[in-house]
Amino acid sequence: MNEPIIIDLKPHHLGISVPDLEASIDWYRENLGFSLAKRLTLDAIPAKIAFLNHGDFNIELFEISEASPLPDDRRYPDRDIRTNGTKHIAFAVQDLRKFADTLKDRGVDFAKDVTEMDQTLMAFIRDNAGNLIELIQPPDL
């Protein structure tokens, strides 16, 4: 077995394929406070791309006209984990119950309401394209 590599890693961005780039930009801006940083197109794919940022974290949204829709099982946390691959992004929040109430008032789709597990509050929401997002309030936050 190889020795572990020691390197300073820092999260940079998450890429998400969406069916409607403009609607997704609005959703992430209005509900999670992201800002539009940059737009571009990649003619080789072809794809329309938007980079959103929130502090030091970025989301790269892709709109590709002939992309397959999100499979239904990917919309439910307990079913999604039964398929290998990347599952969701998680954002830590200080007052999850209050934030969840705000999102519910805005009509955000909840896949799993606020629950507690090992002194940690968590919930799952879906973005406008159905992608899962975990919201978490660890006890030390």
Foldseek 3Di string as FASTA:
>chain_A
DDDDDDDDDDAAEEEDEFADVVLLQCQCCVQVNWAWDDWDFDPVQTWTWTWIDDVRYIYIYIHDNPDDADDPLLLAQVSQVVDDDDREEEDEDADVVVSQVVCVVVVWAWNADWDDDPQKTKTWTATPRRHIYMYIYHPVD
